[in-house]
């Protein structure tokens, strides 16, 4: 362990001694089908890619994986996974990890790979574009081996604590979603008059908003793209030239591209002043309809509309509020085929309901106050996320320092077990018998299994879901404080009773109480 003394009773081995890493099959593009007998598990399917290829090929048994198999993705996005799906063919960039349960338990081995994956990422550096580890180098990596019962205690403890970390991450994600909805609600209230309804009532004012369009209260222009093939039109410094991609920022304070004075003159580019509002008229994904503000004087390309020089300066913040509040409506106005676009005419004619000057100023002040509060909460959320992001690596490191669970002096030291296994392998090799390294034991003995909890109320998990709202299975496990085996039995019971069901939220499968 890089110069550190191993905890009492632990020993050190190489990964190749403890398990067998089995490559999947490499495929030609023509062999990957849109439908077929078997699904082909690729690295992306273990992470975020929902698209599956299929195969009709009949392969050797070791090229398939099934529920419960430990896998390791070793290229690009990489790390360990326990496969929970149907029987599939796994790709060459994935190892199936065969191991002997008498020597090392699957869940502990997964925990080791999680810990070691973090170390590999640190060793290869965050700037690496294609993280990977070779089979030979993985087999030679050192693995600290605790006594068998301690392996179980570590795996069980991490199962619950890491689930609690995940539950915390979900809660923080929920706060981020609440802040997003809060900002949207403020914008909607600002442009509907609800935000200042009491303000008008206090002054006995009627809601007398006038309908107008952007071009009646401000100037609207655009830009262009100087000829790319002319090197005299571009430079590493010069006049900032902004494209629609920059509109994802609230305030544009820098530019990634610059045009020269020759480029500006040739394309008749106008330099728009600081404070100009930019609307993305076309772009991929969410870009179209985005609104940003120039924090610098800059030129723009033809994908942006520039709103500038309002008839009264106090109108500029309100125009920005109105455009942000109507982001979706702005996108609906777009025209075209595969990638619909806005045009300058539609930006100019975009309708705005305009209150009196006093009410405009009041609305802008209130929106700024609420958004400042949201920004402060978001800063705290970011700080909390940074802390939570450090918890998993810290817990894994603590586990491999021997500090996560109590040590039992009565446990057989790992060195004794390793010596016995090595001697058995030498005898098997001398007799010409296959090594037991890849044999998987069906189940642990009752003496090795973690103790189960006392019987839980029939609706224990449903009660927790009613209190906490929808949770992932891991988060619910942490909240229940049941051991993993007891939790799975309790969950199956309550789902069978119809007390709990699955629900999809933001692409995640969560559990929720019924009724």
Protein backbone atom coordinates (compact mmCIF):
# COMPACT_ATOMS: atom_id res chain seq x y z
CA UNK A 1 0.00 0.00 0.00
CA UNK A 2 2.60 2.52 -1.18
CA UNK A 3 4.84 2.29 1.87
CA UNK A 4 2.07 2.07 4.45
CA UNK A 5 1.99 -0.79 6.89
CA UNK A 6 -0.91 -3.17 6.36
CA UNK A 7 -3.56 -3.46 9.07
CA UNK A 8 -3.25 -6.41 11.45
CA UNK A 9 -4.29 -9.66 9.85
CA UNK A 10 -4.13 -8.28 6.31
CA UNK A 11 -1.82 -9.47 3.57
CA UNK A 12 -0.91 -8.21 0.12
CA UNK A 13 -1.20 -10.01 -3.20
CA UNK A 14 -1.45 -9.19 -6.87
CA UNK A 15 -4.82 -8.81 -8.57
CA UNK A 16 -3.88 -11.66 -10.91
CA UNK A 17 -3.51 -14.00 -7.93
CA UNK A 18 -6.97 -13.20 -6.61
CA UNK A 19 -9.06 -13.26 -9.76
CA UNK A 20 -9.08 -13.91 -13.49
CA UNK A 21 -9.76 -11.04 -15.91
CA UNK A 22 -11.60 -12.33 -18.97
CA UNK A 23 -11.91 -10.14 -22.07
CA UNK A 24 -15.14 -9.98 -23.99
CA UNK A 25 -15.33 -10.22 -27.77
CA UNK A 26 -14.27 -7.53 -30.24
CA UNK A 27 -16.85 -6.83 -32.95
CA UNK A 28 -16.73 -5.68 -36.53
CA UNK A 29 -19.31 -3.02 -37.33
CA UNK A 30 -21.15 -5.44 -39.63
CA UNK A 31 -21.62 -7.87 -36.73
CA UNK A 32 -23.47 -5.36 -34.56
CA UNK A 33 -27.18 -5.60 -35.34
CA UNK A 34 -30.12 -3.40 -34.40
CA UNK A 35 -32.00 -6.51 -33.29
CA UNK A 36 -30.98 -10.11 -32.62
CA UNK A 37 -30.84 -12.98 -30.16
CA UNK A 38 -28.39 -11.43 -27.67
CA UNK A 39 -27.76 -7.88 -26.55
CA UNK A 40 -24.12 -6.75 -26.77
CA UNK A 41 -23.00 -4.96 -23.60
CA UNK A 42 -20.61 -2.12 -24.42
CA UNK A 43 -18.84 0.28 -22.03
CA UNK A 44 -21.33 3.06 -22.77
CA UNK A 45 -24.24 0.84 -21.72
CA UNK A 46 -22.71 0.60 -18.24
CA UNK A 47 -22.82 4.38 -17.91
CA UNK A 48 -25.16 6.67 -19.87
CA UNK A 49 -25.69 5.21 -23.35
CA UNK A 50 -29.19 3.68 -23.64
CA UNK A 51 -28.70 2.37 -27.21
CA UNK A 52 -28.05 -1.36 -27.51
CA UNK A 53 -26.64 -3.41 -30.35
CA UNK A 54 -27.45 -7.11 -30.76
CA UNK A 55 -25.82 -10.25 -32.08
CA UNK A 56 -26.99 -13.65 -33.34
CA UNK A 57 -23.56 -15.23 -32.85
CA UNK A 58 -23.21 -18.29 -30.63
CA UNK A 59 -20.00 -17.88 -28.61
CA UNK A 60 -18.02 -19.71 -25.96
CA UNK A 61 -19.66 -19.53 -22.55
CA UNK A 62 -16.99 -17.21 -21.15
CA UNK A 63 -18.08 -14.47 -23.61
CA UNK A 64 -21.45 -14.10 -21.86
CA UNK A 65 -22.22 -12.44 -18.56
CA UNK A 66 -25.28 -12.88 -16.37
CA UNK A 67 -26.86 -11.28 -13.32
CA UNK A 68 -24.43 -11.14 -10.41
CA UNK A 69 -21.24 -11.14 -12.49
CA UNK A 70 -18.58 -8.60 -11.56
CA UNK A 71 -17.45 -6.61 -14.60
CA UNK A 72 -14.74 -4.01 -15.14
CA UNK A 73 -14.78 -1.46 -17.96
CA UNK A 74 -11.11 -0.81 -18.70
CA UNK A 75 -11.16 1.82 -21.46
CA UNK A 76 -12.35 5.46 -21.53
CA UNK A 77 -15.13 5.59 -18.89
CA UNK A 78 -13.93 2.83 -16.64
CA UNK A 79 -14.51 1.11 -13.34
CA UNK A 80 -16.28 -1.89 -11.74
CA UNK A 81 -19.95 -2.83 -12.09
CA UNK A 82 -22.07 -5.72 -10.88
CA UNK A 83 -24.23 -6.75 -13.82
CA UNK A 84 -27.90 -7.00 -12.81
CA UNK A 85 -29.51 -7.61 -16.19
CA UNK A 86 -30.27 -10.54 -18.44
CA UNK A 87 -27.71 -12.81 -20.07
CA UNK A 88 -25.74 -10.71 -22.58
CA UNK A 89 -22.55 -10.81 -24.63
CA UNK A 90 -19.98 -8.41 -23.22
CA UNK A 91 -17.62 -6.35 -25.36
CA UNK A 92 -13.82 -6.61 -25.58
CA UNK A 93 -13.37 -3.37 -23.58
CA UNK A 94 -14.97 -5.05 -20.57
CA UNK A 95 -13.45 -7.72 -18.34
CA UNK A 96 -15.54 -10.32 -16.58
CA UNK A 97 -13.91 -10.88 -13.20
CA UNK A 98 -13.91 -14.54 -12.18
CA UNK A 99 -12.83 -15.20 -8.62
CA UNK A 100 -12.91 -17.79 -5.84
CA UNK A 101 -15.37 -16.86 -3.10
CA UNK A 102 -13.31 -18.94 -0.64
CA UNK A 103 -10.49 -16.46 -1.17
CA UNK A 104 -12.09 -13.10 -1.88
CA UNK A 105 -15.71 -12.01 -1.90
CA UNK A 106 -17.25 -10.35 -4.95
CA UNK A 107 -18.52 -7.28 -3.11
CA UNK A 108 -15.15 -6.68 -1.46
CA UNK A 109 -13.41 -7.11 -4.81
CA UNK A 110 -15.76 -4.52 -6.31
CA UNK A 111 -14.94 -2.14 -3.44
CA UNK A 112 -11.23 -2.65 -4.10
CA UNK A 113 -11.68 -1.89 -7.79
CA UNK A 114 -13.63 1.29 -6.92
CA UNK A 115 -10.82 2.45 -4.64
CA UNK A 116 -8.12 1.46 -7.11
CA UNK A 117 -9.93 3.12 -10.03
CA UNK A 118 -9.71 6.46 -8.20
CA UNK A 119 -5.97 5.89 -7.78
CA UNK A 120 -5.55 5.03 -11.47
CA UNK A 121 -7.34 8.25 -12.44
CA UNK A 122 -5.03 10.25 -10.19
CA UNK A 123 -1.96 8.49 -11.61
CA UNK A 124 -3.01 9.06 -15.24
CA UNK A 125 -4.02 12.65 -14.52
CA UNK A 126 -7.30 14.51 -14.95
CA UNK A 127 -6.09 15.87 -18.29
CA UNK A 128 -5.88 12.45 -19.93
CA UNK A 129 -8.25 12.26 -22.88
CA UNK A 130 -8.54 8.45 -22.97
CA UNK A 131 -8.16 6.79 -19.60
CA UNK A 132 -7.46 3.08 -19.75
CA UNK A 133 -5.60 0.30 -18.01
CA UNK A 134 -4.08 -2.77 -19.65
CA UNK A 135 -4.87 -6.30 -18.52
CA UNK A 136 -1.23 -7.00 -17.65
CA UNK A 137 -0.84 -3.85 -15.58
CA UNK A 138 -4.10 -4.56 -13.72
CA UNK A 139 -3.07 -8.15 -12.95
CA UNK A 140 0.18 -6.81 -11.49
CA UNK A 141 -1.46 -4.19 -9.28
CA UNK A 142 -1.22 -4.79 -5.56
CA UNK A 143 -4.40 -5.62 -3.67
CA UNK A 144 -4.57 -5.48 0.15
CA UNK A 145 -6.41 -8.58 1.37
CA UNK A 146 -8.14 -8.58 4.79
CA UNK A 147 -9.30 -11.73 6.57
CA UNK A 148 -12.38 -13.25 4.95
CA UNK A 149 -14.90 -12.17 7.64
CA UNK A 150 -13.50 -8.63 7.57
CA UNK A 151 -14.01 -8.51 3.81
CA UNK A 152 -17.71 -9.11 4.42
CA UNK A 153 -17.87 -6.46 7.15
CA UNK A 154 -16.16 -3.87 4.93
CA UNK A 155 -18.41 -4.61 1.94
CA UNK A 156 -21.59 -4.49 4.05
CA UNK A 157 -20.57 -1.23 5.75
CA UNK A 158 -19.70 0.47 2.47
CA UNK A 159 -22.93 -0.77 0.89
CA UNK A 160 -24.94 1.23 3.42
CA UNK A 161 -22.64 4.25 3.81
CA UNK A 162 -22.17 4.77 0.06
CA UNK A 163 -25.94 4.44 -0.35
CA UNK A 164 -26.29 7.24 2.21
CA UNK A 165 -23.84 9.35 0.18
CA UNK A 166 -25.92 8.70 -2.93
CA UNK A 167 -29.07 9.71 -1.06
CA UNK A 168 -27.34 12.95 -0.09
CA UNK A 169 -26.37 13.56 -3.73
CA UNK A 170 -29.98 13.03 -4.76
CA UNK A 171 -31.14 15.55 -2.17
CA UNK A 172 -28.63 18.09 -3.45
CA UNK A 173 -29.78 17.45 -7.02
CA UNK A 174 -33.29 18.11 -5.75
CA UNK A 175 -32.21 21.46 -4.35
CA UNK A 176 -30.70 22.39 -7.73
CA UNK A 177 -34.00 21.56 -9.42
CA UNK A 178 -35.90 23.64 -6.84
CA UNK A 179 -33.63 26.63 -7.50
CA UNK A 180 -34.20 26.29 -11.24
CA UNK A 181 -37.97 26.22 -10.75
CA UNK A 182 -37.72 29.16 -8.35
CA UNK A 183 -35.98 31.32 -10.95
CA UNK A 184 -38.54 30.34 -13.58
CA UNK A 185 -41.39 31.16 -11.20
CA UNK A 186 -39.88 34.58 -10.45
CA UNK A 187 -39.59 35.35 -14.17
CA UNK A 188 -43.16 34.20 -14.83
CA UNK A 189 -44.49 36.30 -11.94
CA UNK A 190 -42.48 39.31 -13.12
CA UNK A 191 -43.89 39.26 -16.66
CA UNK A 192 -47.48 38.44 -15.63
CA UNK A 193 -47.76 41.25 -13.09
CA UNK A 194 -48.17 38.90 -10.13
CA UNK A 195 -44.80 39.88 -8.67
CA UNK A 196 -45.96 43.49 -8.21
CA UNK A 197 -49.68 42.89 -7.59
CA UNK A 198 -49.47 43.98 -3.93
CA UNK A 199 -47.23 46.90 -4.93
CA UNK A 200 -49.99 48.15 -7.27
CA UNK A 201 -52.69 47.59 -4.64
CA UNK A 202 -50.76 49.66 -2.08
CA UNK A 203 -50.71 52.53 -4.58
CA UNK A 204 -54.26 51.96 -5.84
CA UNK A 205 -52.88 51.44 -9.34
CA UNK A 206 -54.62 49.51 -12.08
CA UNK A 207 -52.68 47.00 -14.15
CA UNK A 208 -52.36 49.10 -17.30
CA UNK A 209 -49.68 47.26 -19.25
CA UNK A 210 -49.22 48.17 -22.91
CA UNK A 211 -48.51 45.63 -25.63
CA UNK A 212 -45.44 46.44 -27.69
CA UNK A 213 -42.66 44.70 -29.59
CA UNK A 214 -38.91 44.68 -29.09
CA UNK A 215 -38.15 46.81 -32.14
CA UNK A 216 -40.46 49.56 -30.85
CA UNK A 217 -38.44 49.99 -27.66
CA UNK A 218 -34.89 49.07 -28.74
CA UNK A 219 -32.67 48.60 -31.79
CA UNK A 220 -32.11 45.07 -33.09
CA UNK A 221 -29.16 44.01 -35.26
CA UNK A 222 -26.97 41.03 -36.06
CA UNK A 223 -23.49 40.22 -37.34
CA UNK A 224 -21.73 37.99 -39.84
CA UNK A 225 -18.78 35.65 -40.32
CA UNK A 226 -15.70 37.02 -42.07
CA UNK A 227 -14.30 34.72 -44.76
CA UNK A 228 -12.65 31.85 -42.90
CA UNK A 229 -10.20 31.16 -45.69
CA UNK A 230 -8.64 34.62 -45.36
CA UNK A 231 -6.03 34.51 -42.54
CA UNK A 232 -5.87 38.31 -42.51
CA UNK A 233 -9.38 38.45 -41.04
CA UNK A 234 -8.64 36.51 -37.82
CA UNK A 235 -6.00 36.68 -35.10
CA UNK A 236 -5.32 35.42 -31.58
CA UNK A 237 -6.09 38.91 -30.26
CA UNK A 238 -8.03 41.85 -31.59
CA UNK A 239 -11.75 42.59 -31.75
CA UNK A 240 -13.83 40.02 -29.79
CA UNK A 241 -16.14 38.02 -32.10
CA UNK A 242 -18.99 36.22 -30.31
CA UNK A 243 -21.00 33.25 -31.61
CA UNK A 244 -24.30 31.78 -30.37
CA UNK A 245 -22.40 29.14 -28.35
CA UNK A 246 -21.41 31.88 -25.89
CA UNK A 247 -25.04 32.66 -25.00
CA UNK A 248 -25.10 29.82 -22.46
CA UNK A 249 -23.28 32.23 -20.10
CA UNK A 250 -25.30 34.78 -18.14
CA UNK A 251 -22.67 37.45 -18.82
CA UNK A 252 -20.14 37.25 -21.65
CA UNK A 253 -16.83 38.63 -20.40
CA UNK A 254 -14.36 37.03 -22.81
CA UNK A 255 -14.11 35.68 -26.35
CA UNK A 256 -12.47 32.59 -27.80
CA UNK A 257 -12.16 34.15 -31.28
CA UNK A 258 -11.03 37.54 -32.54
CA UNK A 259 -11.29 39.38 -35.86
CA UNK A 260 -8.88 41.94 -37.21
CA UNK A 261 -9.80 45.45 -38.33
CA UNK A 262 -9.58 44.16 -41.92
CA UNK A 263 -12.04 41.39 -41.11
CA UNK A 264 -14.37 43.83 -39.40
CA UNK A 265 -14.28 46.23 -42.34
CA UNK A 266 -14.71 43.54 -44.99
CA UNK A 267 -17.81 42.09 -43.27
CA UNK A 268 -19.08 45.47 -42.02
CA UNK A 269 -19.21 44.12 -38.50
CA UNK A 270 -20.69 46.44 -35.90
CA UNK A 271 -19.07 46.55 -32.47
CA UNK A 272 -21.89 46.30 -29.96
CA UNK A 273 -21.44 48.00 -26.59
CA UNK A 274 -21.26 46.42 -23.17
CA UNK A 275 -24.80 45.76 -21.89
CA UNK A 276 -26.11 44.61 -25.29
CA UNK A 277 -28.44 41.62 -25.06
CA UNK A 278 -27.69 38.67 -27.35
CA UNK A 279 -30.35 36.17 -28.44
CA UNK A 280 -29.20 32.93 -30.09
CA UNK A 281 -31.23 32.60 -33.29
CA UNK A 282 -29.94 29.13 -34.08
CA UNK A 283 -27.70 26.50 -32.62
CA UNK A 284 -27.75 22.91 -31.41
CA UNK A 285 -29.59 21.57 -28.38
CA UNK A 286 -30.83 24.24 -25.99
CA UNK A 287 -28.87 27.07 -27.62
CA UNK A 288 -31.66 28.51 -29.79
CA UNK A 289 -33.56 31.17 -27.83
CA UNK A 290 -30.93 31.61 -25.11
CA UNK A 291 -30.38 35.15 -23.85
CA UNK A 292 -27.10 36.57 -22.60
CA UNK A 293 -25.58 39.98 -21.97
CA UNK A 294 -22.33 41.39 -23.28
CA UNK A 295 -19.92 42.27 -20.50
CA UNK A 296 -17.46 43.54 -23.12
CA UNK A 297 -17.73 45.44 -26.40
CA UNK A 298 -17.75 42.86 -29.19
CA UNK A 299 -18.82 41.91 -32.68
CA UNK A 300 -21.10 38.92 -33.28
CA UNK A 301 -21.86 36.36 -35.97
CA UNK A 302 -25.10 35.94 -37.90
CA UNK A 303 -26.44 33.33 -35.44
CA UNK A 304 -27.02 36.05 -32.83
CA UNK A 305 -29.46 38.93 -32.61
CA UNK A 306 -28.21 41.99 -30.73
CA UNK A 307 -30.70 44.14 -28.78
CA UNK A 308 -29.15 47.49 -27.96
CA UNK A 309 -29.76 51.22 -27.53
CA UNK A 310 -33.23 51.10 -25.93
CA UNK A 311 -35.42 54.22 -26.09
CA UNK A 312 -34.99 54.44 -22.29
CA UNK A 313 -32.06 52.74 -20.52
CA UNK A 314 -34.25 51.46 -17.67
CA UNK A 315 -36.03 49.18 -20.17
CA UNK A 316 -32.96 47.00 -20.85
CA UNK A 317 -33.17 44.82 -17.68
CA UNK A 318 -36.90 44.33 -18.23
CA UNK A 319 -36.38 43.25 -21.85
CA UNK A 320 -33.90 40.67 -20.60
CA UNK A 321 -36.42 39.41 -18.01
CA UNK A 322 -39.15 39.16 -20.63
CA UNK A 323 -36.95 37.25 -23.07
CA UNK A 324 -35.75 34.80 -20.41
CA UNK A 325 -39.29 34.25 -19.19
CA UNK A 326 -40.41 33.44 -22.74
CA UNK A 327 -37.51 31.17 -23.71
CA UNK A 328 -39.82 28.31 -24.73
CA UNK A 329 -42.17 30.62 -26.64
CA UNK A 330 -39.16 32.02 -28.47
CA UNK A 331 -38.10 28.51 -29.54
CA UNK A 332 -41.60 27.76 -30.84
CA UNK A 333 -41.25 30.66 -33.28
CA UNK A 334 -38.30 28.98 -35.00
CA UNK A 335 -38.72 27.69 -38.52
CA UNK A 336 -36.91 25.11 -40.63
CA UNK A 337 -36.37 21.38 -41.00
CA UNK A 338 -33.97 19.31 -38.91
CA UNK A 339 -32.59 22.38 -37.15
CA UNK A 340 -35.23 25.13 -37.00
CA UNK A 341 -33.95 28.69 -36.70
CA UNK A 342 -35.17 32.06 -35.52
CA UNK A 343 -34.65 35.10 -37.71
CA UNK A 344 -34.12 38.79 -37.09
CA UNK A 345 -37.68 39.68 -38.07
CA UNK A 346 -39.15 37.37 -35.43
CA UNK A 347 -36.87 38.85 -32.77
CA UNK A 348 -37.90 42.37 -33.73
CA UNK A 349 -41.61 41.51 -33.66
CA UNK A 350 -41.48 39.54 -30.42
CA UNK A 351 -44.32 40.86 -28.21
CA UNK A 352 -43.73 42.33 -24.76
CA UNK A 353 -46.30 43.55 -22.24
CA UNK A 354 -44.82 46.78 -20.86
CA UNK A 355 -45.83 48.29 -17.48
CA UNK A 356 -45.25 51.86 -16.35
CA UNK A 357 -41.73 53.10 -15.72
CA UNK A 358 -42.14 52.92 -11.93
CA UNK A 359 -43.43 49.36 -12.11
CA UNK A 360 -40.67 48.30 -14.51
CA UNK A 361 -38.07 49.59 -12.04
CA UNK A 362 -39.83 47.82 -9.14
CA UNK A 363 -40.04 44.55 -11.08
CA UNK A 364 -36.36 44.66 -12.01
CA UNK A 365 -35.34 45.41 -8.41
CA UNK A 366 -37.41 42.51 -7.07
CA UNK A 367 -36.13 40.05 -9.68
CA UNK A 368 -32.56 41.08 -8.89
CA UNK A 369 -33.20 40.56 -5.16
CA UNK A 370 -34.70 37.10 -5.66
CA UNK A 371 -32.01 36.05 -8.13
CA UNK A 372 -29.27 37.24 -5.75
CA UNK A 373 -30.80 35.03 -3.05
CA UNK A 374 -30.90 32.09 -5.50
CA UNK A 375 -27.25 32.73 -6.44
CA UNK A 376 -26.23 32.68 -2.77
CA UNK A 377 -28.07 29.41 -2.20
CA UNK A 378 -26.50 27.98 -5.34
CA UNK A 379 -23.04 28.91 -4.06
CA UNK A 380 -23.76 27.04 -0.83
CA UNK A 381 -25.07 24.12 -2.85
CA UNK A 382 -21.85 24.04 -4.89
CA UNK A 383 -19.78 24.05 -1.71
CA UNK A 384 -21.88 21.22 -0.26
CA UNK A 385 -21.49 19.19 -3.45
CA UNK A 386 -17.71 19.52 -3.28
CA UNK A 387 -17.78 18.13 0.26
CA UNK A 388 -20.08 15.26 -0.71
CA UNK A 389 -17.96 14.47 -3.79
CA UNK A 390 -15.02 13.85 -1.45
CA UNK A 391 -16.94 11.45 0.78
CA UNK A 392 -16.80 8.33 -1.40
CA UNK A 393 -13.00 8.47 -1.99
CA UNK A 394 -12.51 9.22 1.72
CA UNK A 395 -14.65 6.25 2.80
CA UNK A 396 -12.87 3.90 0.40
CA UNK A 397 -9.46 5.10 1.60
CA UNK A 398 -10.55 4.61 5.20
CA UNK A 399 -11.67 1.07 4.41
CA UNK A 400 -8.27 0.16 3.01
CA UNK A 401 -6.48 1.66 5.99
CA UNK A 402 -8.39 -0.86 8.12
CA UNK A 403 -10.26 1.93 9.92
CA UNK A 404 -13.81 1.52 8.62
CA UNK A 405 -14.93 -1.56 10.57
CA UNK A 406 -13.75 -3.20 13.80
CA UNK A 407 -11.07 -5.86 13.45
CA UNK A 408 -11.56 -9.24 15.13
CA UNK A 409 -8.37 -10.87 16.47
CA UNK A 410 -10.11 -14.23 16.13
CA UNK A 411 -10.32 -13.89 12.31
CA UNK A 412 -7.91 -16.13 10.46
CA UNK A 413 -5.15 -13.88 9.06
CA UNK A 414 -5.24 -13.40 5.32
CA UNK A 415 -1.62 -14.58 5.06
CA UNK A 416 -2.62 -18.04 6.28
CA UNK A 417 -5.40 -18.24 3.72
CA UNK A 418 -3.12 -17.03 0.92
CA UNK A 419 -0.43 -19.58 1.81
CA UNK A 420 -3.00 -22.35 1.81
CA UNK A 421 -4.43 -21.28 -1.55
CA UNK A 422 -0.98 -20.92 -3.13
CA UNK A 423 0.02 -24.36 -1.89
CA UNK A 424 -3.20 -25.85 -3.26
CA UNK A 425 -2.57 -24.23 -6.64
CA UNK A 426 0.97 -25.56 -6.78
CA UNK A 427 -0.34 -29.05 -6.03
CA UNK A 428 -3.05 -28.71 -8.67
CA UNK A 429 -0.52 -27.48 -11.23
CA UNK A 430 1.78 -30.42 -10.46
CA UNK A 431 -1.15 -32.80 -10.90
CA UNK A 432 -2.22 -31.12 -14.14
CA UNK A 433 -5.55 -29.94 -12.69
CA UNK A 434 -7.10 -26.57 -13.58
CA UNK A 435 -6.61 -23.71 -11.13
CA UNK A 436 -9.49 -22.88 -8.80
CA UNK A 437 -8.80 -19.15 -9.22
CA UNK A 438 -11.77 -18.58 -11.50
CA UNK A 439 -14.26 -20.75 -9.59
CA UNK A 440 -17.21 -18.91 -8.17
CA UNK A 441 -18.88 -20.18 -5.06
CA UNK A 442 -22.69 -20.29 -5.19
CA UNK A 443 -23.23 -18.62 -1.84
CA UNK A 444 -21.41 -17.79 1.37
CA UNK A 445 -21.92 -20.01 4.38
CA UNK A 446 -24.29 -18.82 7.12
CA UNK A 447 -21.30 -18.29 9.41
CA UNK A 448 -19.77 -15.85 6.91
CA UNK A 449 -22.92 -13.93 6.06
CA UNK A 450 -23.61 -10.66 7.88
CA UNK A 451 -26.26 -10.97 10.58
CA UNK A 452 -29.81 -10.14 9.49
CA UNK A 453 -31.90 -7.51 11.23
CA UNK A 454 -34.97 -8.14 13.35
CA UNK A 455 -38.28 -8.45 11.47
CA UNK A 456 -39.39 -5.06 10.16
CA UNK A 457 -42.95 -3.67 10.02
CA UNK A 458 -44.80 -4.85 6.92
CA UNK A 459 -44.90 -1.32 5.48
CA UNK A 460 -41.57 0.00 6.79
CA UNK A 461 -40.19 1.07 3.41
CA UNK A 462 -43.49 2.54 2.23
CA UNK A 463 -43.60 4.68 5.38
CA UNK A 464 -40.09 5.97 4.65
CA UNK A 465 -41.02 6.80 1.06
CA UNK A 466 -44.12 8.66 2.25
CA UNK A 467 -41.91 10.76 4.54
CA UNK A 468 -38.98 11.31 2.15
CA UNK A 469 -40.59 11.17 -1.28
CA UNK A 470 -39.33 9.04 -4.16
CA UNK A 471 -35.82 7.57 -3.65
CA UNK A 472 -33.43 5.30 -5.53
CA UNK A 473 -33.12 1.76 -4.26
CA UNK A 474 -29.68 2.50 -2.77
CA UNK A 475 -30.94 5.64 -1.06
CA UNK A 476 -33.91 3.76 0.40
CA UNK A 477 -31.54 1.07 1.67
CA UNK A 478 -29.53 3.70 3.53
CA UNK A 479 -32.65 5.29 5.01
CA UNK A 480 -34.06 1.93 6.15
CA UNK A 481 -30.93 0.94 8.14
CA UNK A 482 -31.63 -2.67 7.17
CA UNK A 483 -28.83 -5.01 6.12
CA UNK A 484 -28.77 -5.55 2.32
CA UNK A 485 -30.30 -9.05 2.44
CA UNK A 486 -33.07 -7.97 4.80
CA UNK A 487 -33.72 -4.87 2.70
CA UNK A 488 -34.12 -6.85 -0.51
CA UNK A 489 -36.55 -9.24 1.19
CA UNK A 490 -38.54 -6.35 2.67
CA UNK A 491 -38.66 -4.52 -0.67
CA UNK A 492 -39.89 -7.63 -2.48
CA UNK A 493 -42.57 -8.10 0.20
CA UNK A 494 -43.87 -4.53 -0.05
CA UNK A 495 -43.77 -4.49 -3.85
CA UNK A 496 -45.74 -7.73 -3.83
CA UNK A 497 -48.28 -6.09 -1.51
CA UNK A 498 -48.60 -3.19 -3.95
CA UNK A 499 -47.31 -0.71 -1.35
CA UNK A 500 -44.29 0.40 -3.43
CA UNK A 501 -43.87 0.93 -7.16
CA UNK A 502 -41.20 2.13 -9.53
CA UNK A 503 -41.39 5.57 -11.14
CA UNK A 504 -39.19 7.39 -13.66
CA UNK A 505 -37.93 10.89 -12.86
CA UNK A 506 -35.33 12.75 -14.97
CA UNK A 507 -34.15 9.49 -16.53
CA UNK A 508 -33.75 7.75 -13.15
CA UNK A 509 -35.74 4.79 -11.89
CA UNK A 510 -36.93 5.60 -8.36
CA UNK A 511 -39.18 3.94 -5.82
CA UNK A 512 -42.30 5.63 -4.44
CA UNK A 513 -45.07 4.75 -2.00
CA UNK A 514 -48.47 3.85 -3.45
CA UNK A 515 -51.41 5.83 -2.04
